[in-house]
Amino acid sequence: MRSTLMKVAVIGALLALGVGGALAQDDATALYKSKCQACHGADGKASAVGQKLGAKDFNSPEVAKMTDAELFDITKKGKGKMPGYDGKLTDDQIKSLIKYIRSLK
């Protein structure tokens, strides 16, 4: 009985982590669409409007070599024509966006 309860608890924890990961990905996708996509494009390659404003292609060597900390700082404080999101997004939201843009290929 104890063994069965332990297995159920472990399976429940694993399922919760899987669902949590999926929810976090959905949140990052929604955030990207609402805050980034207009300039950076759905694929991260910069929209036509974004290109005119100097938005970076996330797959460019310049961006690819940036650390997550550098991207975090740019997102939080802004750079060039990109507005800062300090006070508009939490640090965790910014981190999830960075993970999301790193997944764009």
PDB file of N, CA and C in Angstrom:
ATOM      1  N   MET A   1       0.831  -1.202   0.000  1.00  0.00           N
ATOM      2  CA  MET A   1       0.000   0.000   0.000  1.00  0.00           C
ATOM      3  C   MET A   1       0.866   1.254   0.000  1.00  0.00           C
ATOM      4  N   ARG A   2       1.876   1.267   0.867  1.00  0.00           N
ATOM      5  CA  ARG A   2       2.762   2.431   0.960  1.00  0.00           C
ATOM      6  C   ARG A   2       3.504   2.633  -0.366  1.00  0.00           C
ATOM      7  N   SER A   3       3.927   1.538  -0.962  1.00  0.00           N
ATOM      8  CA  SER A   3       4.625   1.596  -2.245  1.00  0.00           C
ATOM      9  C   SER A   3       3.725   2.173  -3.329  1.00  0.00           C
ATOM     10  N   THR A   4       2.471   1.788  -3.325  1.00  0.00           N
ATOM     11  CA  THR A   4       1.512   2.290  -4.310  1.00  0.00           C
ATOM     12  C   THR A   4       1.289   3.782  -4.125  1.00  0.00           C
ATOM     13  N   LEU A   5       1.143   4.216  -2.872  1.00  0.00           N
ATOM     14  CA  LEU A   5       0.957   5.641  -2.603  1.00  0.00           C
ATOM     15  C   LEU A   5       2.170   6.451  -3.058  1.00  0.00           C
ATOM     16  N   MET A   6       3.355   5.887  -2.834  1.00  0.00           N
ATOM     17  CA  MET A   6       4.581   6.569  -3.237  1.00  0.00           C
ATOM     18  C   MET A   6       4.636   6.694  -4.760  1.00  0.00           C
ATOM     19  N   LYS A   7       4.254   5.631  -5.475  1.00  0.00           N
ATOM     20  CA  LYS A   7       4.257   5.668  -6.942  1.00  0.00           C
ATOM     21  C   LYS A   7       3.253   6.703  -7.451  1.00  0.00           C
ATOM     22  N   VAL A   8       2.088   6.748  -6.841  1.00  0.00           N
ATOM     23  CA  VAL A   8       1.062   7.716  -7.243  1.00  0.00           C
ATOM     24  C   VAL A   8       1.573   9.144  -7.006  1.00  0.00           C
ATOM     25  N   ALA A   9       2.235   9.370  -5.884  1.00  0.00           N
ATOM     26  CA  ALA A   9       2.767  10.699  -5.583  1.00  0.00           C
ATOM     27  C   ALA A   9       3.831  11.104  -6.591  1.00  0.00           C
ATOM     28  N   VAL A  10       4.710  10.190  -6.936  1.00  0.00           N
ATOM     29  CA  VAL A  10       5.775  10.483  -7.906  1.00  0.00           C
ATOM     30  C   VAL A  10       5.174  10.765  -9.284  1.00  0.00           C
ATOM     31  N   ILE A  11       4.237   9.940  -9.706  1.00  0.00           N
ATOM     32  CA  ILE A  11       3.593  10.145 -11.008  1.00  0.00           C
ATOM     33  C   ILE A  11       2.855  11.484 -11.020  1.00  0.00           C
ATOM     34  N   GLY A  12       2.167  11.798  -9.952  1.00  0.00           N
ATOM     35  CA  GLY A  12       1.458  13.076  -9.857  1.00  0.00           C
ATOM     36  C   GLY A  12       2.416  14.255  -9.954  1.00  0.00           C
ATOM     37  N   ALA A  13       3.560  14.149  -9.275  1.00  0.00           N
ATOM     38  CA  ALA A  13       4.548  15.226  -9.330  1.00  0.00           C
ATOM     39  C   ALA A  13       5.099  15.391 -10.740  1.00  0.00           C
ATOM     40  N   LEU A  14       5.381  14.291 -11.400  1.00  0.00           N
ATOM     41  CA  LEU A  14       5.902  14.351 -12.766  1.00  0.00           C
ATOM     42  C   LEU A  14       4.884  14.956 -13.724  1.00  0.00           C
ATOM     43  N   LEU A  15       3.634  14.578 -13.564  1.00  0.00           N
ATOM     44  CA  LEU A  15       2.588  15.155 -14.408  1.00  0.00           C
ATOM     45  C   LEU A  15       2.448  16.652 -14.161  1.00  0.00           C
ATOM     46  N   ALA A  16       2.514  17.045 -12.914  1.00  0.00           N
ATOM     47  CA  ALA A  16       2.396  18.464 -12.577  1.00  0.00           C
ATOM     48  C   ALA A  16       3.544  19.256 -13.195  1.00  0.00           C
ATOM     49  N   LEU A  17       4.739  18.708 -13.162  1.00  0.00           N
ATOM     50  CA  LEU A  17       5.886  19.385 -13.770  1.00  0.00           C
ATOM     51  C   LEU A  17       5.717  19.490 -15.274  1.00  0.00           C
ATOM     52  N   GLY A  18       5.222  18.458 -15.893  1.00  0.00           N
ATOM     53  CA  GLY A  18       5.001  18.481 -17.336  1.00  0.00           C
ATOM     54  C   GLY A  18       3.956  19.499 -17.723  1.00  0.00           C
ATOM     55  N   VAL A  19       2.888  19.546 -16.989  1.00  0.00           N
ATOM     56  CA  VAL A  19       1.833  20.514 -17.255  1.00  0.00           C
ATOM     57  C   VAL A  19       2.343  21.922 -16.986  1.00  0.00           C
ATOM     58  N   GLY A  20       3.090  22.092 -15.907  1.00  0.00           N
ATOM     59  CA  GLY A  20       3.656  23.401 -15.581  1.00  0.00           C
ATOM     60  C   GLY A  20       4.568  23.901 -16.678  1.00  0.00           C
ATOM     61  N   GLY A  21       5.384  23.013 -17.233  1.00  0.00           N
ATOM     62  CA  GLY A  21       6.274  23.384 -18.327  1.00  0.00           C
ATOM     63  C   GLY A  21       5.496  23.800 -19.557  1.00  0.00           C
ATOM     64  N   ALA A  22       4.424  23.066 -19.838  1.00  0.00           N
ATOM     65  CA  ALA A  22       3.592  23.398 -20.998  1.00  0.00           C
ATOM     66  C   ALA A  22       2.902  24.745 -20.784  1.00  0.00           C
ATOM     67  N   LEU A  23       2.433  25.001 -19.574  1.00  0.00           N
ATOM     68  CA  LEU A  23       1.781  26.279 -19.285  1.00  0.00           C
ATOM     69  C   LEU A  23       2.766  27.426 -19.394  1.00  0.00           C
ATOM     70  N   ALA A  24       3.986  27.224 -18.908  1.00  0.00           N
ATOM     71  CA  ALA A  24       5.005  28.257 -18.997  1.00  0.00           C
ATOM     72  C   ALA A  24       5.314  28.569 -20.457  1.00  0.00           C
ATOM     73  N   GLN A  25       5.380  27.542 -21.305  1.00  0.00           N
ATOM     74  CA  GLN A  25       5.634  27.744 -22.732  1.00  0.00           C
ATOM     75  C   GLN A  25       4.486  28.525 -23.370  1.00  0.00           C
ATOM     76  N   ASP A  26       3.249  28.182 -23.010  1.00  0.00           N
ATOM     77  CA  ASP A  26       2.088  28.908 -23.529  1.00  0.00           C
ATOM     78  C   ASP A  26       2.129  30.376 -23.111  1.00  0.00           C
ATOM     79  N   ASP A  27       2.520  30.633 -21.854  1.00  0.00           N
ATOM     80  CA  ASP A  27       2.633  32.007 -21.363  1.00  0.00           C
ATOM     81  C   ASP A  27       3.694  32.771 -22.143  1.00  0.00           C
ATOM     82  N   ALA A  28       4.842  32.140 -22.378  1.00  0.00           N
ATOM     83  CA  ALA A  28       5.919  32.791 -23.115  1.00  0.00           C
ATOM     84  C   ALA A  28       5.492  33.075 -24.551  1.00  0.00           C
ATOM     85  N   THR A  29       4.782  32.144 -25.162  1.00  0.00           N
ATOM     86  CA  THR A  29       4.295  32.335 -26.522  1.00  0.00           C
ATOM     87  C   THR A  29       3.331  33.524 -26.576  1.00  0.00           C
ATOM     88  N   ALA A  30       2.411  33.584 -25.627  1.00  0.00           N
ATOM     89  CA  ALA A  30       1.448  34.689 -25.579  1.00  0.00           C
ATOM     90  C   ALA A  30       2.154  36.025 -25.329  1.00  0.00           C
ATOM     91  N   LEU A  31       3.125  36.027 -24.432  1.00  0.00           N
ATOM     92  CA  LEU A  31       3.885  37.249 -24.160  1.00  0.00           C
ATOM     93  C   LEU A  31       4.627  37.708 -25.408  1.00  0.00           C
ATOM     94  N   TYR A  32       5.272  36.767 -26.079  1.00  0.00           N
ATOM     95  CA  TYR A  32       6.014  37.106 -27.293  1.00  0.00           C
ATOM     96  C   TYR A  32       5.072  37.729 -28.323  1.00  0.00           C
ATOM     97  N   LYS A  33       3.923  37.093 -28.525  1.00  0.00           N
ATOM     98  CA  LYS A  33       2.964  37.603 -29.511  1.00  0.00           C
ATOM     99  C   LYS A  33       2.492  39.013 -29.153  1.00  0.00           C
ATOM    100  N   SER A  34       2.286  39.271 -27.870  1.00  0.00           N
ATOM    101  CA  SER A  34       1.746  40.568 -27.474  1.00  0.00           C
ATOM    102  C   SER A  34       2.806  41.662 -27.332  1.00  0.00           C
ATOM    103  N   LYS A  35       4.023  41.309 -27.004  1.00  0.00           N
ATOM    104  CA  LYS A  35       5.042  42.325 -26.718  1.00  0.00           C
ATOM    105  C   LYS A  35       6.157  42.420 -27.762  1.00  0.00           C
ATOM    106  N   CYS A  36       6.435  41.347 -28.485  1.00  0.00           N
ATOM    107  CA  CYS A  36       7.633  41.300 -29.324  1.00  0.00           C
ATOM    108  C   CYS A  36       7.364  41.116 -30.817  1.00  0.00           C
ATOM    109  N   GLN A  37       6.328  40.368 -31.125  1.00  0.00           N
ATOM    110  CA  GLN A  37       6.107  39.914 -32.491  1.00  0.00           C
ATOM    111  C   GLN A  37       5.935  41.055 -33.498  1.00  0.00           C
ATOM    112  N   ALA A  38       5.328  42.148 -33.108  1.00  0.00           N
ATOM    113  CA  ALA A  38       5.095  43.241 -34.054  1.00  0.00           C
ATOM    114  C   ALA A  38       6.391  43.724 -34.689  1.00  0.00           C
ATOM    115  N   CYS A  39       7.454  43.775 -33.920  1.00  0.00           N
ATOM    116  CA  CYS A  39       8.748  44.231 -34.457  1.00  0.00           C
ATOM    117  C   CYS A  39       9.674  43.076 -34.838  1.00  0.00           C
ATOM    118  N   HIS A  40       9.688  42.043 -34.007  1.00  0.00           N
ATOM    119  CA  HIS A  40      10.646  40.944 -34.228  1.00  0.00           C
ATOM    120  C   HIS A  40      10.092  39.833 -35.115  1.00  0.00           C
ATOM    121  N   GLY A  41       8.808  39.894 -35.458  1.00  0.00           N
ATOM    122  CA  GLY A  41       8.215  38.905 -36.343  1.00  0.00           C
ATOM    123  C   GLY A  41       7.893  37.601 -35.644  1.00  0.00           C
ATOM    124  N   ALA A  42       6.995  36.839 -36.234  1.00  0.00           N
ATOM    125  CA  ALA A  42       6.559  35.565 -35.652  1.00  0.00           C
ATOM    126  C   ALA A  42       7.707  34.576 -35.550  1.00  0.00           C
ATOM    127  N   ASP A  43       8.659  34.666 -36.489  1.00  0.00           N
ATOM    128  CA  ASP A  43       9.779  33.724 -36.511  1.00  0.00           C
ATOM    129  C   ASP A  43      11.053  34.292 -35.890  1.00  0.00           C
ATOM    130  N   GLY A  44      10.992  35.523 -35.377  1.00  0.00           N
ATOM    131  CA  GLY A  44      12.157  36.138 -34.746  1.00  0.00           C
ATOM    132  C   GLY A  44      13.137  36.760 -35.728  1.00  0.00           C
ATOM    133  N   LYS A  45      12.758  36.840 -37.003  1.00  0.00           N
ATOM    134  CA  LYS A  45      13.665  37.363 -38.030  1.00  0.00           C
ATOM    135  C   LYS A  45      13.449  38.850 -38.318  1.00  0.00           C
ATOM    136  N   ALA A  46      12.612  39.492 -37.557  1.00  0.00           N
ATOM    137  CA  ALA A  46      12.267  40.909 -37.668  1.00  0.00           C
ATOM    138  C   ALA A  46      11.237  41.126 -38.777  1.00  0.00           C
ATOM    139  N   SER A  47      10.146  41.746 -38.401  1.00  0.00           N
ATOM    140  CA  SER A  47       9.089  42.075 -39.363  1.00  0.00           C
ATOM    141  C   SER A  47       9.566  43.228 -40.244  1.00  0.00           C
ATOM    142  N   ALA A  48       8.813  43.532 -41.283  1.00  0.00           N
ATOM    143  CA  ALA A  48       9.161  44.652 -42.164  1.00  0.00           C
ATOM    144  C   ALA A  48       9.224  45.960 -41.367  1.00  0.00           C
ATOM    145  N   VAL A  49       8.244  46.161 -40.503  1.00  0.00           N
ATOM    146  CA  VAL A  49       8.230  47.361 -39.650  1.00  0.00           C
ATOM    147  C   VAL A  49       9.439  47.332 -38.714  1.00  0.00           C
ATOM    148  N   GLY A  50       9.679  46.179 -38.114  1.00  0.00           N
ATOM    149  CA  GLY A  50      10.808  46.040 -37.205  1.00  0.00           C
ATOM    150  C   GLY A  50      12.143  46.297 -37.876  1.00  0.00           C
ATOM    151  N   GLN A  51      12.294  45.824 -39.096  1.00  0.00           N
ATOM    152  CA  GLN A  51      13.544  46.051 -39.824  1.00  0.00           C
ATOM    153  C   GLN A  51      13.789  47.546 -40.020  1.00  0.00           C
ATOM    154  N   LYS A  52      12.731  48.298 -40.311  1.00  0.00           N
ATOM    155  CA  LYS A  52      12.861  49.749 -40.470  1.00  0.00           C
ATOM    156  C   LYS A  52      13.266  50.429 -39.162  1.00  0.00           C
ATOM    157  N   LEU A  53      12.855  49.829 -38.047  1.00  0.00           N
ATOM    158  CA  LEU A  53      13.188  50.382 -36.729  1.00  0.00           C
ATOM    159  C   LEU A  53      14.521  49.864 -36.188  1.00  0.00           C
ATOM    160  N   GLY A  54      15.115  48.908 -36.903  1.00  0.00           N
ATOM    161  CA  GLY A  54      16.389  48.349 -36.463  1.00  0.00           C
ATOM    162  C   GLY A  54      16.262  47.139 -35.562  1.00  0.00           C
ATOM    163  N   ALA A  55      15.096  46.500 -35.547  1.00  0.00           N
ATOM    164  CA  ALA A  55      14.904  45.291 -34.727  1.00  0.00           C
ATOM    165  C   ALA A  55      15.863  44.205 -35.199  1.00  0.00           C
ATOM    166  N   LYS A  56      16.404  43.486 -34.257  1.00  0.00           N
ATOM    167  CA  LYS A  56      17.379  42.448 -34.564  1.00  0.00           C
ATOM    168  C   LYS A  56      16.693  41.126 -34.901  1.00  0.00           C
ATOM    169  N   ASP A  57      17.319  40.388 -35.808  1.00  0.00           N
ATOM    170  CA  ASP A  57      16.950  39.008 -36.113  1.00  0.00           C
ATOM    171  C   ASP A  57      17.546  38.164 -34.990  1.00  0.00           C
ATOM    172  N   PHE A  58      16.710  37.438 -34.271  1.00  0.00           N
ATOM    173  CA  PHE A  58      17.191  36.651 -33.140  1.00  0.00           C
ATOM    174  C   PHE A  58      18.136  35.523 -33.546  1.00  0.00           C
ATOM    175  N   ASN A  59      18.123  35.160 -34.826  1.00  0.00           N
ATOM    176  CA  ASN A  59      19.017  34.103 -35.299  1.00  0.00           C
ATOM    177  C   ASN A  59      20.326  34.645 -35.863  1.00  0.00           C
ATOM    178  N   SER A  60      20.481  35.952 -35.864  1.00  0.00           N
ATOM    179  CA  SER A  60      21.713  36.544 -36.388  1.00  0.00           C
ATOM    180  C   SER A  60      22.885  36.197 -35.471  1.00  0.00           C
ATOM    181  N   PRO A  61      24.092  36.127 -36.029  1.00  0.00           N
ATOM    182  CA  PRO A  61      25.273  35.851 -35.192  1.00  0.00           C
ATOM    183  C   PRO A  61      25.422  36.859 -34.059  1.00  0.00           C
ATOM    184  N   GLU A  62      25.070  38.115 -34.331  1.00  0.00           N
ATOM    185  CA  GLU A  62      25.185  39.165 -33.309  1.00  0.00           C
ATOM    186  C   GLU A  62      24.337  38.843 -32.075  1.00  0.00           C
ATOM    187  N   VAL A  63      23.103  38.421 -32.291  1.00  0.00           N
ATOM    188  CA  VAL A  63      22.209  38.102 -31.171  1.00  0.00           C
ATOM    189  C   VAL A  63      22.551  36.734 -30.587  1.00  0.00           C
ATOM    190  N   ALA A  64      22.872  35.782 -31.441  1.00  0.00           N
ATOM    191  CA  ALA A  64      23.184  34.424 -30.966  1.00  0.00           C
ATOM    192  C   ALA A  64      24.345  34.409 -29.984  1.00  0.00           C
ATOM    193  N   LYS A  65      25.312  35.314 -30.170  1.00  0.00           N
ATOM    194  CA  LYS A  65      26.467  35.322 -29.271  1.00  0.00           C
ATOM    195  C   LYS A  65      26.215  36.074 -27.961  1.00  0.00           C
ATOM    196  N   MET A  66      25.090  36.776 -27.880  1.00  0.00           N
ATOM    197  CA  MET A  66      24.761  37.494 -26.642  1.00  0.00           C
ATOM    198  C   MET A  66      24.401  36.502 -25.550  1.00  0.00           C
ATOM    199  N   THR A  67      24.777  36.832 -24.342  1.00  0.00           N
ATOM    200  CA  THR A  67      24.406  35.993 -23.204  1.00  0.00           C
ATOM    201  C   THR A  67      22.957  36.270 -22.832  1.00  0.00           C
ATOM    202  N   ASP A  68      22.383  35.356 -22.073  1.00  0.00           N
ATOM    203  CA  ASP A  68      21.024  35.577 -21.578  1.00  0.00           C
ATOM    204  C   ASP A  68      20.980  36.830 -20.711  1.00  0.00           C
ATOM    205  N   ALA A  69      22.047  37.086 -19.960  1.00  0.00           N
ATOM    206  CA  ALA A  69      22.096  38.273 -19.101  1.00  0.00           C
ATOM    207  C   ALA A  69      22.065  39.549 -19.942  1.00  0.00           C
ATOM    208  N   GLU A  70      22.754  39.551 -21.077  1.00  0.00           N
ATOM    209  CA  GLU A  70      22.731  40.722 -21.955  1.00  0.00           C
ATOM    210  C   GLU A  70      21.338  40.935 -22.542  1.00  0.00           C
ATOM    211  N   LEU A  71      20.724  39.860 -22.993  1.00  0.00           N
ATOM    212  CA  LEU A  71      19.362  39.964 -23.543  1.00  0.00           C
ATOM    213  C   LEU A  71      18.380  40.415 -22.471  1.00  0.00           C
ATOM    214  N   PHE A  72      18.559  39.919 -21.256  1.00  0.00           N
ATOM    215  CA  PHE A  72      17.711  40.323 -20.133  1.00  0.00           C
ATOM    216  C   PHE A  72      17.829  41.825 -19.915  1.00  0.00           C
ATOM    217  N   ASP A  73      19.056  42.319 -19.894  1.00  0.00           N
ATOM    218  CA  ASP A  73      19.310  43.734 -19.648  1.00  0.00           C
ATOM    219  C   ASP A  73      18.693  44.598 -20.743  1.00  0.00           C
ATOM    220  N   ILE A  74      18.844  44.186 -21.997  1.00  0.00           N
ATOM    221  CA  ILE A  74      18.268  44.937 -23.114  1.00  0.00           C
ATOM    222  C   ILE A  74      16.747  44.953 -23.022  1.00  0.00           C
ATOM    223  N   THR A  75      16.168  43.802 -22.703  1.00  0.00           N
ATOM    224  CA  THR A  75      14.710  43.725 -22.598  1.00  0.00           C
ATOM    225  C   THR A  75      14.197  44.582 -21.449  1.00  0.00           C
ATOM    226  N   LYS A  76      14.893  44.549 -20.347  1.00  0.00           N
ATOM    227  CA  LYS A  76      14.451  45.289 -19.175  1.00  0.00           C
ATOM    228  C   LYS A  76      14.626  46.802 -19.347  1.00  0.00           C
ATOM    229  N   LYS A  77      15.783  47.219 -19.856  1.00  0.00           N
ATOM    230  CA  LYS A  77      16.101  48.648 -19.934  1.00  0.00           C
ATOM    231  C   LYS A  77      15.812  49.278 -21.293  1.00  0.00           C
ATOM    232  N   GLY A  78      15.732  48.440 -22.335  1.00  0.00           N
ATOM    233  CA  GLY A  78      15.563  48.953 -23.680  1.00  0.00           C
ATOM    234  C   GLY A  78      16.918  49.254 -24.310  1.00  0.00           C
ATOM    235  N   LYS A  79      16.902  49.420 -25.625  1.00  0.00           N
ATOM    236  CA  LYS A  79      18.140  49.757 -26.345  1.00  0.00           C
ATOM    237  C   LYS A  79      17.749  50.297 -27.709  1.00  0.00           C
ATOM    238  N   GLY A  80      18.361  51.406 -28.082  1.00  0.00           N
ATOM    239  CA  GLY A  80      18.010  52.023 -29.354  1.00  0.00           C
ATOM    240  C   GLY A  80      16.535  52.410 -29.346  1.00  0.00           C
ATOM    241  N   LYS A  81      15.812  51.956 -30.361  1.00  0.00           N
ATOM    242  CA  LYS A  81      14.384  52.274 -30.449  1.00  0.00           C
ATOM    243  C   LYS A  81      13.511  51.276 -29.697  1.00  0.00           C
ATOM    244  N   MET A  82      14.135  50.224 -29.159  1.00  0.00           N
ATOM    245  CA  MET A  82      13.354  49.239 -28.399  1.00  0.00           C
ATOM    246  C   MET A  82      13.074  49.782 -27.006  1.00  0.00           C
ATOM    247  N   PRO A  83      11.798  49.805 -26.626  1.00  0.00           N
ATOM    248  CA  PRO A  83      11.466  50.284 -25.278  1.00  0.00           C
ATOM    249  C   PRO A  83      11.871  49.265 -24.218  1.00  0.00           C
ATOM    250  N   GLY A  84      12.114  49.754 -23.021  1.00  0.00           N
ATOM    251  CA  GLY A  84      12.374  48.876 -21.896  1.00  0.00           C
ATOM    252  C   GLY A  84      11.079  48.356 -21.310  1.00  0.00           C
ATOM    253  N   TYR A  85      11.141  47.176 -20.741  1.00  0.00           N
ATOM    254  CA  TYR A  85       9.951  46.566 -20.170  1.00  0.00           C
ATOM    255  C   TYR A  85      10.016  46.468 -18.647  1.00  0.00           C
ATOM    256  N   ASP A  86      10.902  47.238 -18.032  1.00  0.00           N
ATOM    257  CA  ASP A  86      10.981  47.279 -16.575  1.00  0.00           C
ATOM    258  C   ASP A  86       9.670  47.843 -16.042  1.00  0.00           C
ATOM    259  N   GLY A  87       9.051  47.127 -15.127  1.00  0.00           N
ATOM    260  CA  GLY A  87       7.767  47.551 -14.579  1.00  0.00           C
ATOM    261  C   GLY A  87       6.576  47.087 -15.403  1.00  0.00           C
ATOM    262  N   LYS A  88       6.834  46.621 -16.630  1.00  0.00           N
ATOM    263  CA  LYS A  88       5.760  46.114 -17.478  1.00  0.00           C
ATOM    264  C   LYS A  88       5.762  44.589 -17.517  1.00  0.00           C
ATOM    265  N   LEU A  89       6.957  44.016 -17.372  1.00  0.00           N
ATOM    266  CA  LEU A  89       7.118  42.560 -17.301  1.00  0.00           C
ATOM    267  C   LEU A  89       7.927  42.226 -16.060  1.00  0.00           C
ATOM    268  N   THR A  90       7.621  41.102 -15.456  1.00  0.00           N
ATOM    269  CA  THR A  90       8.411  40.659 -14.310  1.00  0.00           C
ATOM    270  C   THR A  90       9.731  40.069 -14.814  1.00  0.00           C
ATOM    271  N   ASP A  91      10.679  39.921 -13.915  1.00  0.00           N
ATOM    272  CA  ASP A  91      11.949  39.297 -14.283  1.00  0.00           C
ATOM    273  C   ASP A  91      11.730  37.884 -14.807  1.00  0.00           C
ATOM    274  N   ASP A  92      10.814  37.150 -14.191  1.00  0.00           N
ATOM    275  CA  ASP A  92      10.525  35.788 -14.648  1.00  0.00           C
ATOM    276  C   ASP A  92       9.913  35.786 -16.044  1.00  0.00           C
ATOM    277  N   GLN A  93       9.075  36.760 -16.340  1.00  0.00           N
ATOM    278  CA  GLN A  93       8.498  36.846 -17.682  1.00  0.00           C
ATOM    279  C   GLN A  93       9.583  37.139 -18.717  1.00  0.00           C
ATOM    280  N   ILE A  94      10.501  38.030 -18.392  1.00  0.00           N
ATOM    281  CA  ILE A  94      11.599  38.346 -19.300  1.00  0.00           C
ATOM    282  C   ILE A  94      12.459  37.112 -19.529  1.00  0.00           C
ATOM    283  N   LYS A  95      12.753  36.373 -18.466  1.00  0.00           N
ATOM    284  CA  LYS A  95      13.548  35.143 -18.603  1.00  0.00           C
ATOM    285  C   LYS A  95      12.833  34.119 -19.486  1.00  0.00           C
ATOM    286  N   SER A  96      11.516  34.022 -19.341  1.00  0.00           N
ATOM    287  CA  SER A  96      10.777  33.066 -20.173  1.00  0.00           C
ATOM    288  C   SER A  96      10.781  33.516 -21.636  1.00  0.00           C
ATOM    289  N   LEU A  97      10.743  34.825 -21.875  1.00  0.00           N
ATOM    290  CA  LEU A  97      10.821  35.338 -23.243  1.00  0.00           C
ATOM    291  C   LEU A  97      12.177  35.025 -23.867  1.00  0.00           C
ATOM    292  N   ILE A  98      13.228  35.155 -23.093  1.00  0.00           N
ATOM    293  CA  ILE A  98      14.571  34.851 -23.604  1.00  0.00           C
ATOM    294  C   ILE A  98      14.666  33.380 -23.966  1.00  0.00           C
ATOM    295  N   LYS A  99      14.148  32.542 -23.114  1.00  0.00           N
ATOM    296  CA  LYS A  99      14.137  31.090 -23.423  1.00  0.00           C
ATOM    297  C   LYS A  99      13.339  30.846 -24.695  1.00  0.00           C
ATOM    298  N   TYR A 100      12.223  31.536 -24.844  1.00  0.00           N
ATOM    299  CA  TYR A 100      11.377  31.375 -26.020  1.00  0.00           C
ATOM    300  C   TYR A 100      12.106  31.827 -27.283  1.00  0.00           C
ATOM    301  N   ILE A 101      12.731  32.996 -27.253  1.00  0.00           N
ATOM    302  CA  ILE A 101      13.384  33.465 -28.478  1.00  0.00           C
ATOM    303  C   ILE A 101      14.590  32.607 -28.838  1.00  0.00           C
ATOM    304  N   ARG A 102      15.203  32.004 -27.842  1.00  0.00           N
ATOM    305  CA  ARG A 102      16.315  31.074 -28.129  1.00  0.00           C
ATOM    306  C   ARG A 102      15.788  29.828 -28.845  1.00  0.00           C
ATOM    307  N   SER A 103      14.506  29.529 -28.683  1.00  0.00           N
ATOM    308  CA  SER A 103      13.934  28.330 -29.324  1.00  0.00           C
ATOM    309  C   SER A 103      13.498  28.606 -30.763  1.00  0.00           C
ATOM    310  N   LEU A 104      13.417  29.870 -31.162  1.00  0.00           N
ATOM    311  CA  LEU A 104      13.000  30.208 -32.522  1.00  0.00           C
ATOM    312  C   LEU A 104      14.108  29.864 -33.514  1.00  0.00           C
ATOM    313  N   LYS A 105      13.764  29.126 -34.521  1.00  0.00           N
ATOM    314  CA  LYS A 105      14.756  28.746 -35.554  1.00  0.00           C
ATOM    315  C   LYS A 105      14.177  28.968 -36.917  1.00  0.00           C
TER     316      LYS A 105
END
